[in-house]
Amino acid sequence: MNFNQFKEKYQKFEVEEFPNKVTYSPLVSVLVQTYNHENYIRECLDSILYQKTDFDFEILLGEDYSTDTTREICKDYAEKNPENIRLFLHHPDNKIIINGVSTGNFNAFYNFYKAQGKYIAFCEGDDRWRDPFKLQKHINSFKTNFRLVMNYHSYITVDHNSNLFQTYQMKLQPIGNISGTQLLEGKFHPLLSTTCFKKVFNEIPLEMTQVMNVDTFLISLLGNFGDAIYLKNIFPSAYRIHKGGMWSLKEKKQKYLSKILTFTKLEEFYLSQGNKRLSQFYRDKKANTFKMAAVFYFLNLNFFQFIQNVWNYIKTKFFNLKFL
């Protein structure tokens, strides 16, 4: 799906682009999506603007119609840094709804389509980089390994007051090299804000716009173009998360629904590409997610959802039926 097709399908109101003087030939595009981040967006943008590089880079800042002062802060930064920041002011009617949830997908994909760089990096509006040479180190790595499509580094988790604390997410971050096959199959899943990757495609599969776990889909796509390596010489970035306890029942349900939808769309995409092996691989992952969901609902005495997920597991595992 090209940019015009994307806008035709999802854009109801024209996106306003704030005036800028960004060069037309940056090497790296840094994509920043922000919504209600008034307490964090300054730190985020400063950490990118302070990057020391021997190449030009641009910041594509997508402001998703915040209800706090985030939009005003973004305008102020764009006005003061016209050579670096391209600010896009979004309308709420353009938001893409998935599983009944309003997402920031339109904002993120719009940034991707508008990116001019040969390489893409991400930083969410409530996160921040902690290494002023991060971008330079990413690019230096690509110069010495032409098989790479992506590289990444480690991160720390911080709370709303920027206090460090340990989370299970940190343990999921891989700390080693990842082959193209492993990327394709999602065997390892680096946090997207720690990655930098080659912009090896300009069009986005329709299926990718229909999932909440966009990063899972993206990493699988990148596996078609090369390998990934871990860069231990980049100082860990700060990933902000609100300190809390276990997932609530509602959040767990949404988590399973999101995974099932993502695996369904990956299954459909690879089947459309004639890759039956990967299509079956993601069908099996979907079946396994139904099984895990069934166990969860059984333990929480939700027997209707338990039976429904058991039935979906059986259909997915043993029959070639389409359903969700």
C-alpha atoms as a PDB file:
ATOM      1  CA  MET A   1       0.000   0.000   0.000  1.00  0.00           C
ATOM      2  CA  ASN A   2       1.584   3.271  -1.116  1.00  0.00           C
ATOM      3  CA  PHE A   3       1.153   6.647   0.588  1.00  0.00           C
ATOM      4  CA  ASN A   4      -1.742   7.765  -1.591  1.00  0.00           C
ATOM      5  CA  GLN A   5      -3.607   4.499  -0.975  1.00  0.00           C
ATOM      6  CA  PHE A   6      -2.949   4.844   2.753  1.00  0.00           C
ATOM      7  CA  LYS A   7      -4.395   8.366   2.831  1.00  0.00           C
ATOM      8  CA  GLU A   8      -7.363   7.348   0.705  1.00  0.00           C
ATOM      9  CA  LYS A   9      -8.222   4.565   3.140  1.00  0.00           C
ATOM     10  CA  TYR A  10      -7.591   6.263   6.476  1.00  0.00           C
ATOM     11  CA  GLN A  11      -7.233  10.037   6.168  1.00  0.00           C
ATOM     12  CA  LYS A  12     -10.465  11.956   6.759  1.00  0.00           C
ATOM     13  CA  PHE A  13      -8.852  15.331   7.510  1.00  0.00           C
ATOM     14  CA  GLU A  14      -5.718  16.800   5.960  1.00  0.00           C
ATOM     15  CA  VAL A  15      -2.660  16.618   8.215  1.00  0.00           C
ATOM     16  CA  GLU A  16      -1.177  20.037   8.942  1.00  0.00           C
ATOM     17  CA  GLU A  17       2.588  20.291   8.419  1.00  0.00           C
ATOM     18  CA  PHE A  18       4.274  22.997  10.461  1.00  0.00           C
ATOM     19  CA  PRO A  19       6.717  25.219   8.478  1.00  0.00           C
ATOM     20  CA  ASN A  20      10.301  23.927   8.509  1.00  0.00           C
ATOM     21  CA  LYS A  21      13.688  24.185   6.783  1.00  0.00           C
ATOM     22  CA  VAL A  22      14.753  20.545   6.972  1.00  0.00           C
ATOM     23  CA  THR A  23      17.232  19.395   4.304  1.00  0.00           C
ATOM     24  CA  TYR A  24      15.923  17.145   1.560  1.00  0.00           C
ATOM     25  CA  SER A  25      18.759  14.650   1.972  1.00  0.00           C
ATOM     26  CA  PRO A  26      19.069  13.555   5.634  1.00  0.00           C
ATOM     27  CA  LEU A  27      20.776  10.229   6.183  1.00  0.00           C
ATOM     28  CA  VAL A  28      18.578   9.279   9.165  1.00  0.00           C
ATOM     29  CA  SER A  29      14.926   9.963   9.935  1.00  0.00           C
ATOM     30  CA  VAL A  30      13.971   9.840  13.619  1.00  0.00           C
ATOM     31  CA  LEU A  31      10.264   9.133  14.074  1.00  0.00           C
ATOM     32  CA  VAL A  32       8.646  10.560  17.217  1.00  0.00           C
ATOM     33  CA  GLN A  33       5.000   9.906  18.027  1.00  0.00           C
ATOM     34  CA  THR A  34       3.563  11.870  20.924  1.00  0.00           C
ATOM     35  CA  TYR A  35       0.220  12.140  22.713  1.00  0.00           C
ATOM     36  CA  ASN A  36      -0.361  13.704  26.144  1.00  0.00           C
ATOM     37  CA  HIS A  37       3.351  13.752  26.941  1.00  0.00           C
ATOM     38  CA  GLU A  38       3.614  17.302  28.290  1.00  0.00           C
ATOM     39  CA  ASN A  39       5.836  16.162  31.170  1.00  0.00           C
ATOM     40  CA  TYR A  40       8.248  14.204  28.966  1.00  0.00           C
ATOM     41  CA  ILE A  41       8.337  15.494  25.393  1.00  0.00           C
ATOM     42  CA  ARG A  42      10.993  18.148  26.110  1.00  0.00           C
ATOM     43  CA  GLU A  43      13.432  15.528  27.434  1.00  0.00           C
ATOM     44  CA  CYS A  44      12.658  13.311  24.446  1.00  0.00           C
ATOM     45  CA  LEU A  45      13.296  16.007  21.844  1.00  0.00           C
ATOM     46  CA  ASP A  46      16.371  17.380  23.621  1.00  0.00           C
ATOM     47  CA  SER A  47      17.922  13.905  23.703  1.00  0.00           C
ATOM     48  CA  ILE A  48      17.558  13.710  19.908  1.00  0.00           C
ATOM     49  CA  LEU A  49      18.552  17.289  19.118  1.00  0.00           C
ATOM     50  CA  TYR A  50      21.737  16.852  21.195  1.00  0.00           C
ATOM     51  CA  GLN A  51      22.923  13.962  19.009  1.00  0.00           C
ATOM     52  CA  LYS A  52      26.469  14.442  17.711  1.00  0.00           C
ATOM     53  CA  THR A  53      26.815  13.162  14.140  1.00  0.00           C
ATOM     54  CA  ASP A  54      28.872  13.728  10.999  1.00  0.00           C
ATOM     55  CA  PHE A  55      25.683  13.473   8.892  1.00  0.00           C
ATOM     56  CA  ASP A  56      22.323  15.220   8.655  1.00  0.00           C
ATOM     57  CA  PHE A  57      19.252  13.776  10.342  1.00  0.00           C
ATOM     58  CA  GLU A  58      15.632  14.869  10.566  1.00  0.00           C
ATOM     59  CA  ILE A  59      13.054  14.522  13.329  1.00  0.00           C
ATOM     60  CA  LEU A  60       9.536  13.719  12.189  1.00  0.00           C
ATOM     61  CA  LEU A  61       7.359  14.730  15.117  1.00  0.00           C
ATOM     62  CA  GLY A  62       3.761  13.496  14.956  1.00  0.00           C
ATOM     63  CA  GLU A  63       1.478  15.202  17.500  1.00  0.00           C
ATOM     64  CA  ASP A  64      -1.718  13.184  17.879  1.00  0.00           C
ATOM     65  CA  TYR A  65      -4.159  15.899  19.063  1.00  0.00           C
ATOM     66  CA  SER A  66      -3.258  15.834  22.755  1.00  0.00           C
ATOM     67  CA  THR A  67      -5.635  17.112  25.416  1.00  0.00           C
ATOM     68  CA  ASP A  68      -2.795  18.637  27.467  1.00  0.00           C
ATOM     69  CA  THR A  69      -0.123  21.151  26.391  1.00  0.00           C
ATOM     70  CA  THR A  70       1.921  18.708  24.311  1.00  0.00           C
ATOM     71  CA  ARG A  71       0.872  20.310  21.015  1.00  0.00           C
ATOM     72  CA  GLU A  72       1.963  23.771  22.153  1.00  0.00           C
ATOM     73  CA  ILE A  73       5.325  22.416  23.335  1.00  0.00           C
ATOM     74  CA  CYS A  74       5.856  20.675  19.983  1.00  0.00           C
ATOM     75  CA  LYS A  75       5.074  23.873  18.081  1.00  0.00           C
ATOM     76  CA  ASP A  76       7.565  25.764  20.216  1.00  0.00           C
ATOM     77  CA  TYR A  77      10.318  23.222  19.521  1.00  0.00           C
ATOM     78  CA  ALA A  78       9.509  23.135  15.798  1.00  0.00           C
ATOM     79  CA  GLU A  79       9.623  26.915  15.614  1.00  0.00           C
ATOM     80  CA  LYS A  80      12.989  27.067  17.391  1.00  0.00           C
ATOM     81  CA  ASN A  81      14.504  24.129  15.459  1.00  0.00           C
ATOM     82  CA  PRO A  82      13.219  24.462  11.868  1.00  0.00           C
ATOM     83  CA  GLU A  83      16.377  22.865  10.394  1.00  0.00           C
ATOM     84  CA  ASN A  84      15.782  19.624  12.320  1.00  0.00           C
ATOM     85  CA  ILE A  85      12.089  19.156  13.102  1.00  0.00           C
ATOM     86  CA  ARG A  86       9.212  18.419  10.746  1.00  0.00           C
ATOM     87  CA  LEU A  87       6.070  18.692  12.875  1.00  0.00           C
ATOM     88  CA  PHE A  88       2.832  17.035  11.756  1.00  0.00           C
ATOM     89  CA  LEU A  89      -0.356  18.076  13.545  1.00  0.00           C
ATOM     90  CA  HIS A  90      -2.938  15.294  13.410  1.00  0.00           C
ATOM     91  CA  HIS A  91      -6.736  15.229  13.626  1.00  0.00           C
ATOM     92  CA  PRO A  92      -8.467  12.723  15.950  1.00  0.00           C
ATOM     93  CA  ASP A  93     -10.812  11.516  13.190  1.00  0.00           C
ATOM     94  CA  ASN A  94      -7.797  10.016  11.401  1.00  0.00           C
ATOM     95  CA  LYS A  95      -7.041   7.604  14.243  1.00  0.00           C
ATOM     96  CA  ILE A  96      -7.214   3.932  13.254  1.00  0.00           C
ATOM     97  CA  ILE A  97      -9.517   1.843  15.468  1.00  0.00           C
ATOM     98  CA  ILE A  98      -8.429  -1.761  16.130  1.00  0.00           C
ATOM     99  CA  ASN A  99     -10.363  -4.204  18.327  1.00  0.00           C
ATOM    100  CA  GLY A 100     -12.415  -1.234  19.492  1.00  0.00           C
ATOM    101  CA  VAL A 101      -9.317   0.661  20.639  1.00  0.00           C
ATOM    102  CA  SER A 102      -8.171   4.014  19.234  1.00  0.00           C
ATOM    103  CA  THR A 103      -4.512   3.629  18.208  1.00  0.00           C
ATOM    104  CA  GLY A 104      -1.636   5.875  17.201  1.00  0.00           C
ATOM    105  CA  ASN A 105      -1.063   3.850  14.028  1.00  0.00           C
ATOM    106  CA  PHE A 106      -2.044   6.619  11.622  1.00  0.00           C
ATOM    107  CA  ASN A 107       0.456   8.951  13.274  1.00  0.00           C
ATOM    108  CA  ALA A 108       3.252   6.358  13.139  1.00  0.00           C
ATOM    109  CA  PHE A 109       2.636   5.268   9.554  1.00  0.00           C
ATOM    110  CA  TYR A 110       2.304   8.866   8.373  1.00  0.00           C
ATOM    111  CA  ASN A 111       5.732   9.581   9.849  1.00  0.00           C
ATOM    112  CA  PHE A 112       7.167   6.513   8.123  1.00  0.00           C
ATOM    113  CA  TYR A 113       5.786   7.447   4.723  1.00  0.00           C
ATOM    114  CA  LYS A 114       7.099  11.023   5.021  1.00  0.00           C
ATOM    115  CA  ALA A 115      10.582   9.972   6.160  1.00  0.00           C
ATOM    116  CA  GLN A 116      13.341  11.016   3.739  1.00  0.00           C
ATOM    117  CA  GLY A 117      16.272   9.209   5.362  1.00  0.00           C
ATOM    118  CA  LYS A 118      17.966   6.000   4.247  1.00  0.00           C
ATOM    119  CA  TYR A 119      17.761   4.807   7.864  1.00  0.00           C
ATOM    120  CA  ILE A 120      14.928   4.930  10.411  1.00  0.00           C
ATOM    121  CA  ALA A 121      15.124   5.305  14.197  1.00  0.00           C
ATOM    122  CA  PHE A 122      12.283   5.632  16.726  1.00  0.00           C
ATOM    123  CA  CYS A 123      11.782   7.447  20.009  1.00  0.00           C
ATOM    124  CA  GLU A 124       8.354   7.659  21.618  1.00  0.00           C
ATOM    125  CA  GLY A 125       7.406  11.024  23.089  1.00  0.00           C
ATOM    126  CA  ASP A 126       7.708   9.847  26.702  1.00  0.00           C
ATOM    127  CA  ASP A 127      11.080   8.090  26.223  1.00  0.00           C
ATOM    128  CA  ARG A 128      14.554   9.549  25.871  1.00  0.00           C
ATOM    129  CA  TRP A 129      17.984   8.620  24.576  1.00  0.00           C
ATOM    130  CA  ARG A 130      20.929   8.724  26.973  1.00  0.00           C
ATOM    131  CA  ASP A 131      23.852   8.452  24.547  1.00  0.00           C
ATOM    132  CA  PRO A 132      24.675  11.609  22.526  1.00  0.00           C
ATOM    133  CA  PHE A 133      26.503   9.428  19.974  1.00  0.00           C
ATOM    134  CA  LYS A 134      23.683   6.886  19.579  1.00  0.00           C
ATOM    135  CA  LEU A 135      22.842   7.695  15.949  1.00  0.00           C
ATOM    136  CA  GLN A 136      26.512   7.908  14.939  1.00  0.00           C
ATOM    137  CA  LYS A 137      27.206   4.481  16.448  1.00  0.00           C
ATOM    138  CA  HIS A 138      24.219   2.971  14.625  1.00  0.00           C
ATOM    139  CA  ILE A 139      25.445   4.283  11.255  1.00  0.00           C
ATOM    140  CA  ASN A 140      29.072   3.290  11.883  1.00  0.00           C
ATOM    141  CA  SER A 141      27.853  -0.261  12.429  1.00  0.00           C
ATOM    142  CA  PHE A 142      26.048  -0.332   9.092  1.00  0.00           C
ATOM    143  CA  LYS A 143      29.188   0.876   7.317  1.00  0.00           C
ATOM    144  CA  THR A 144      31.151  -2.165   8.463  1.00  0.00           C
ATOM    145  CA  ASN A 145      28.507  -4.851   7.891  1.00  0.00           C
ATOM    146  CA  PHE A 146      26.572  -4.772   4.640  1.00  0.00           C
ATOM    147  CA  ARG A 147      24.426  -7.779   5.565  1.00  0.00           C
ATOM    148  CA  LEU A 148      22.705  -5.800   8.299  1.00  0.00           C
ATOM    149  CA  VAL A 149      19.168  -4.529   7.966  1.00  0.00           C
ATOM    150  CA  MET A 150      18.886  -3.510  11.636  1.00  0.00           C
ATOM    151  CA  ASN A 151      20.941  -2.952  14.765  1.00  0.00           C
ATOM    152  CA  TYR A 152      19.822  -2.279  18.328  1.00  0.00           C
ATOM    153  CA  HIS A 153      20.992  -1.789  21.905  1.00  0.00           C
ATOM    154  CA  SER A 154      19.810  -2.165  25.500  1.00  0.00           C
ATOM    155  CA  TYR A 155      17.540   0.035  27.592  1.00  0.00           C
ATOM    156  CA  ILE A 156      16.459   0.763  31.141  1.00  0.00           C
ATOM    157  CA  THR A 157      12.909   1.258  32.404  1.00  0.00           C
ATOM    158  CA  VAL A 158      11.964   4.356  34.370  1.00  0.00           C
ATOM    159  CA  ASP A 159       8.758   5.502  36.061  1.00  0.00           C
ATOM    160  CA  HIS A 160       6.920   8.804  35.639  1.00  0.00           C
ATOM    161  CA  ASN A 161       9.506  10.511  37.838  1.00  0.00           C
ATOM    162  CA  SER A 162      12.428   9.048  35.841  1.00  0.00           C
ATOM    163  CA  ASN A 163      13.319   6.695  38.703  1.00  0.00           C
ATOM    164  CA  LEU A 164      14.913   3.439  37.593  1.00  0.00           C
ATOM    165  CA  PHE A 165      13.088   0.197  38.363  1.00  0.00           C
ATOM    166  CA  GLN A 166      13.241  -3.362  37.095  1.00  0.00           C
ATOM    167  CA  THR A 167      10.461  -4.775  34.903  1.00  0.00           C
ATOM    168  CA  TYR A 168       9.893  -8.070  33.139  1.00  0.00           C
ATOM    169  CA  GLN A 169      10.070  -6.182  29.809  1.00  0.00           C
ATOM    170  CA  MET A 170      13.800  -5.568  30.335  1.00  0.00           C
ATOM    171  CA  LYS A 171      14.405  -9.309  30.567  1.00  0.00           C
ATOM    172  CA  LEU A 172      12.787  -9.811  27.157  1.00  0.00           C
ATOM    173  CA  GLN A 173      15.291  -7.573  25.360  1.00  0.00           C
ATOM    174  CA  PRO A 174      17.787  -9.775  23.469  1.00  0.00           C
ATOM    175  CA  ILE A 175      21.492  -9.023  23.811  1.00  0.00           C
ATOM    176  CA  GLY A 176      22.935 -10.842  20.822  1.00  0.00           C
ATOM    177  CA  ASN A 177      22.959 -10.987  17.057  1.00  0.00           C
ATOM    178  CA  ILE A 178      19.758 -12.044  15.275  1.00  0.00           C
ATOM    179  CA  SER A 179      19.636 -13.799  11.914  1.00  0.00           C
ATOM    180  CA  GLY A 180      17.205 -12.848   9.166  1.00  0.00           C
ATOM    181  CA  THR A 181      15.309 -16.090   9.726  1.00  0.00           C
ATOM    182  CA  GLN A 182      14.939 -15.329  13.422  1.00  0.00           C
ATOM    183  CA  LEU A 183      13.634 -11.855  12.589  1.00  0.00           C
ATOM    184  CA  LEU A 184      11.139 -13.318  10.124  1.00  0.00           C
ATOM    185  CA  GLU A 185       9.800 -15.655  12.807  1.00  0.00           C
ATOM    186  CA  GLY A 186       9.851 -13.079  15.604  1.00  0.00           C
ATOM    187  CA  LYS A 187      12.083 -15.306  17.705  1.00  0.00           C
ATOM    188  CA  PHE A 188      13.647 -12.222  19.294  1.00  0.00           C
ATOM    189  CA  HIS A 189      11.913  -8.891  19.700  1.00  0.00           C
ATOM    190  CA  PRO A 190      14.094  -5.828  20.387  1.00  0.00           C
ATOM    191  CA  LEU A 191      12.264  -2.801  21.754  1.00  0.00           C
ATOM    192  CA  LEU A 192      11.569  -0.653  18.695  1.00  0.00           C
ATOM    193  CA  SER A 193      12.922   2.545  20.278  1.00  0.00           C
ATOM    194  CA  THR A 194      16.346   0.865  20.621  1.00  0.00           C
ATOM    195  CA  THR A 195      16.581  -0.008  16.928  1.00  0.00           C
ATOM    196  CA  CYS A 196      17.825   1.634  13.781  1.00  0.00           C
ATOM    197  CA  PHE A 197      17.068  -0.005  10.441  1.00  0.00           C
ATOM    198  CA  LYS A 198      17.474   0.539   6.729  1.00  0.00           C
ATOM    199  CA  LYS A 199      14.425   1.900   4.951  1.00  0.00           C
ATOM    200  CA  VAL A 200      14.319  -1.069   2.612  1.00  0.00           C
ATOM    201  CA  PHE A 201      10.677  -0.612   1.604  1.00  0.00           C
ATOM    202  CA  ASN A 202       8.541   2.448   0.904  1.00  0.00           C
ATOM    203  CA  GLU A 203       5.162   0.711   0.818  1.00  0.00           C
ATOM    204  CA  ILE A 204       3.410  -0.855   3.808  1.00  0.00           C
ATOM    205  CA  PRO A 205       1.310  -4.033   3.677  1.00  0.00           C
ATOM    206  CA  LEU A 206      -2.373  -3.377   4.323  1.00  0.00           C
ATOM    207  CA  GLU A 207      -2.289  -6.108   6.963  1.00  0.00           C
ATOM    208  CA  MET A 208       0.334  -4.176   8.926  1.00  0.00           C
ATOM    209  CA  THR A 209      -1.998  -1.187   9.341  1.00  0.00           C
ATOM    210  CA  GLN A 210      -4.652  -3.460  10.854  1.00  0.00           C
ATOM    211  CA  VAL A 211      -2.732  -4.620  13.943  1.00  0.00           C
ATOM    212  CA  MET A 212      -1.830  -3.050  17.290  1.00  0.00           C
ATOM    213  CA  ASN A 213       1.505  -4.873  17.539  1.00  0.00           C
ATOM    214  CA  VAL A 214       3.024  -2.979  14.619  1.00  0.00           C
ATOM    215  CA  ASP A 215       6.570  -3.568  15.884  1.00  0.00           C
ATOM    216  CA  THR A 216       6.088  -7.352  15.725  1.00  0.00           C
ATOM    217  CA  PHE A 217       4.960  -7.095  12.106  1.00  0.00           C
ATOM    218  CA  LEU A 218       7.744  -4.654  11.197  1.00  0.00           C
ATOM    219  CA  ILE A 219      10.544  -6.790  12.646  1.00  0.00           C
ATOM    220  CA  SER A 220       9.271  -9.805  10.718  1.00  0.00           C
ATOM    221  CA  LEU A 221       9.240  -7.788   7.479  1.00  0.00           C
ATOM    222  CA  LEU A 222      12.810  -6.607   8.048  1.00  0.00           C
ATOM    223  CA  GLY A 223      13.931 -10.227   8.260  1.00  0.00           C
ATOM    224  CA  ASN A 224      13.357 -10.486   4.516  1.00  0.00           C
ATOM    225  CA  PHE A 225      16.253  -8.085   3.936  1.00  0.00           C
ATOM    226  CA  GLY A 226      19.061  -9.123   6.277  1.00  0.00           C
ATOM    227  CA  ASP A 227      20.286  -9.714   9.812  1.00  0.00           C
ATOM    228  CA  ALA A 228      20.412  -7.662  13.014  1.00  0.00           C
ATOM    229  CA  ILE A 229      23.198  -7.158  15.531  1.00  0.00           C
ATOM    230  CA  TYR A 230      23.356  -5.986  19.122  1.00  0.00           C
ATOM    231  CA  LEU A 231      25.453  -2.869  19.817  1.00  0.00           C
ATOM    232  CA  LYS A 232      26.843  -3.010  23.337  1.00  0.00           C
ATOM    233  CA  ASN A 233      28.675   0.314  22.908  1.00  0.00           C
ATOM    234  CA  ILE A 234      25.464   2.382  22.989  1.00  0.00           C
ATOM    235  CA  PHE A 235      24.506   3.640  26.444  1.00  0.00           C
ATOM    236  CA  PRO A 236      21.006   2.312  27.323  1.00  0.00           C
ATOM    237  CA  SER A 237      18.009   4.451  26.423  1.00  0.00           C
ATOM    238  CA  ALA A 238      15.258   5.214  28.926  1.00  0.00           C
ATOM    239  CA  TYR A 239      11.927   3.518  28.278  1.00  0.00           C
ATOM    240  CA  ARG A 240       9.191   5.000  30.402  1.00  0.00           C
ATOM    241  CA  ILE A 241       6.546   2.794  31.936  1.00  0.00           C
ATOM    242  CA  HIS A 242       4.159   3.393  34.778  1.00  0.00           C
ATOM    243  CA  LYS A 243       5.108   1.263  37.720  1.00  0.00           C
ATOM    244  CA  GLY A 244       2.301  -1.115  38.491  1.00  0.00           C
ATOM    245  CA  GLY A 245       1.294  -4.638  39.325  1.00  0.00           C
ATOM    246  CA  MET A 246      -0.084  -7.496  37.301  1.00  0.00           C
ATOM    247  CA  TRP A 247      -2.169  -7.069  34.177  1.00  0.00           C
ATOM    248  CA  SER A 248      -5.855  -6.594  34.915  1.00  0.00           C
ATOM    249  CA  LEU A 249      -8.334  -9.074  33.457  1.00  0.00           C
ATOM    250  CA  LYS A 250      -9.362  -6.520  30.823  1.00  0.00           C
ATOM    251  CA  GLU A 251      -5.747  -5.788  29.874  1.00  0.00           C
ATOM    252  CA  LYS A 252      -4.918  -9.495  29.617  1.00  0.00           C
ATOM    253  CA  LYS A 253      -7.889 -10.017  27.318  1.00  0.00           C
ATOM    254  CA  GLN A 254      -6.760  -7.147  25.098  1.00  0.00           C
ATOM    255  CA  LYS A 255      -3.233  -8.523  25.075  1.00  0.00           C
ATOM    256  CA  TYR A 256      -4.401 -11.913  23.807  1.00  0.00           C
ATOM    257  CA  LEU A 257      -6.725 -10.339  21.233  1.00  0.00           C
ATOM    258  CA  SER A 258      -3.885  -8.173  19.937  1.00  0.00           C
ATOM    259  CA  LYS A 259      -1.508 -11.113  19.595  1.00  0.00           C
ATOM    260  CA  ILE A 260      -4.115 -13.252  17.845  1.00  0.00           C
ATOM    261  CA  LEU A 261      -4.905 -10.460  15.401  1.00  0.00           C
ATOM    262  CA  THR A 262      -1.206  -9.842  14.682  1.00  0.00           C
ATOM    263  CA  PHE A 263      -0.496 -13.511  14.009  1.00  0.00           C
ATOM    264  CA  THR A 264      -3.626 -13.717  11.829  1.00  0.00           C
ATOM    265  CA  LYS A 265      -2.505 -10.781   9.697  1.00  0.00           C
ATOM    266  CA  LEU A 266       1.052 -12.127   9.423  1.00  0.00           C
ATOM    267  CA  GLU A 267      -0.400 -15.482   8.378  1.00  0.00           C
ATOM    268  CA  GLU A 268      -2.516 -13.773   5.705  1.00  0.00           C
ATOM    269  CA  PHE A 269       0.339 -11.564   4.499  1.00  0.00           C
ATOM    270  CA  TYR A 270       2.842 -14.363   4.018  1.00  0.00           C
ATOM    271  CA  LEU A 271       0.222 -16.530   2.347  1.00  0.00           C
ATOM    272  CA  SER A 272      -0.432 -13.680  -0.124  1.00  0.00           C
ATOM    273  CA  GLN A 273       3.333 -13.595  -0.780  1.00  0.00           C
ATOM    274  CA  GLY A 274       3.382 -17.321  -1.545  1.00  0.00           C
ATOM    275  CA  ASN A 275       5.400 -18.136   1.584  1.00  0.00           C
ATOM    276  CA  LYS A 276       3.410 -21.095   2.895  1.00  0.00           C
ATOM    277  CA  ARG A 277       6.023 -22.016   5.504  1.00  0.00           C
ATOM    278  CA  LEU A 278       5.867 -18.649   7.283  1.00  0.00           C
ATOM    279  CA  SER A 279       2.101 -18.489   6.861  1.00  0.00           C
ATOM    280  CA  GLN A 280       1.787 -21.842   8.641  1.00  0.00           C
ATOM    281  CA  PHE A 281       4.351 -20.761  11.235  1.00  0.00           C
ATOM    282  CA  TYR A 282       2.207 -17.783  12.275  1.00  0.00           C
ATOM    283  CA  ARG A 283      -0.948 -19.880  12.125  1.00  0.00           C
ATOM    284  CA  ASP A 284       0.668 -22.203  14.675  1.00  0.00           C
ATOM    285  CA  LYS A 285       1.629 -19.219  16.862  1.00  0.00           C
ATOM    286  CA  LYS A 286      -1.973 -18.053  16.712  1.00  0.00           C
ATOM    287  CA  ALA A 287      -3.185 -21.502  17.778  1.00  0.00           C
ATOM    288  CA  ASN A 288      -0.770 -21.492  20.708  1.00  0.00           C
ATOM    289  CA  THR A 289      -2.053 -18.058  21.788  1.00  0.00           C
ATOM    290  CA  PHE A 290      -5.631 -19.374  21.783  1.00  0.00           C
ATOM    291  CA  LYS A 291      -4.429 -22.212  24.027  1.00  0.00           C
ATOM    292  CA  MET A 292      -2.728 -19.826  26.467  1.00  0.00           C
ATOM    293  CA  ALA A 293      -5.818 -17.626  26.524  1.00  0.00           C
ATOM    294  CA  ALA A 294      -7.993 -20.668  27.270  1.00  0.00           C
ATOM    295  CA  VAL A 295      -5.828 -21.556  30.290  1.00  0.00           C
ATOM    296  CA  PHE A 296      -5.973 -17.961  31.519  1.00  0.00           C
ATOM    297  CA  TYR A 297      -9.781 -17.806  31.304  1.00  0.00           C
ATOM    298  CA  PHE A 298     -10.152 -21.214  32.958  1.00  0.00           C
ATOM    299  CA  LEU A 299      -8.021 -20.091  35.918  1.00  0.00           C
ATOM    300  CA  ASN A 300     -10.155 -16.943  36.181  1.00  0.00           C
ATOM    301  CA  LEU A 301     -13.384 -18.994  36.082  1.00  0.00           C
ATOM    302  CA  ASN A 302     -14.542 -17.374  32.842  1.00  0.00           C
ATOM    303  CA  PHE A 303     -15.850 -20.579  31.289  1.00  0.00           C
ATOM    304  CA  PHE A 304     -17.563 -18.997  28.292  1.00  0.00           C
ATOM    305  CA  GLN A 305     -14.280 -17.452  27.121  1.00  0.00           C
ATOM    306  CA  PHE A 306     -12.502 -20.685  28.017  1.00  0.00           C
ATOM    307  CA  ILE A 307     -14.740 -22.759  25.745  1.00  0.00           C
ATOM    308  CA  GLN A 308     -14.559 -20.181  22.962  1.00  0.00           C
ATOM    309  CA  ASN A 309     -10.758 -20.148  22.989  1.00  0.00           C
ATOM    310  CA  VAL A 310     -10.547 -23.948  23.148  1.00  0.00           C
ATOM    311  CA  TRP A 311     -12.805 -24.156  20.091  1.00  0.00           C
ATOM    312  CA  ASN A 312     -10.732 -21.517  18.274  1.00  0.00           C
ATOM    313  CA  TYR A 313      -7.577 -23.456  19.122  1.00  0.00           C
ATOM    314  CA  ILE A 314      -9.034 -26.651  17.667  1.00  0.00           C
ATOM    315  CA  LYS A 315     -10.175 -24.904  14.485  1.00  0.00           C
ATOM    316  CA  THR A 316      -6.837 -23.169  14.003  1.00  0.00           C
ATOM    317  CA  LYS A 317      -4.716 -26.201  14.786  1.00  0.00           C
ATOM    318  CA  PHE A 318      -6.632 -28.881  12.925  1.00  0.00           C
ATOM    319  CA  PHE A 319      -8.880 -27.218  10.344  1.00  0.00           C
ATOM    320  CA  ASN A 320      -8.250 -24.732   7.557  1.00  0.00           C
ATOM    321  CA  LEU A 321     -11.003 -22.317   8.587  1.00  0.00           C
ATOM    322  CA  LYS A 322     -10.913 -18.528   8.719  1.00  0.00           C
ATOM    323  CA  PHE A 323     -12.169 -16.926  11.889  1.00  0.00           C
ATOM    324  CA  LEU A 324     -11.342 -14.494  14.657  1.00  0.00           C
END
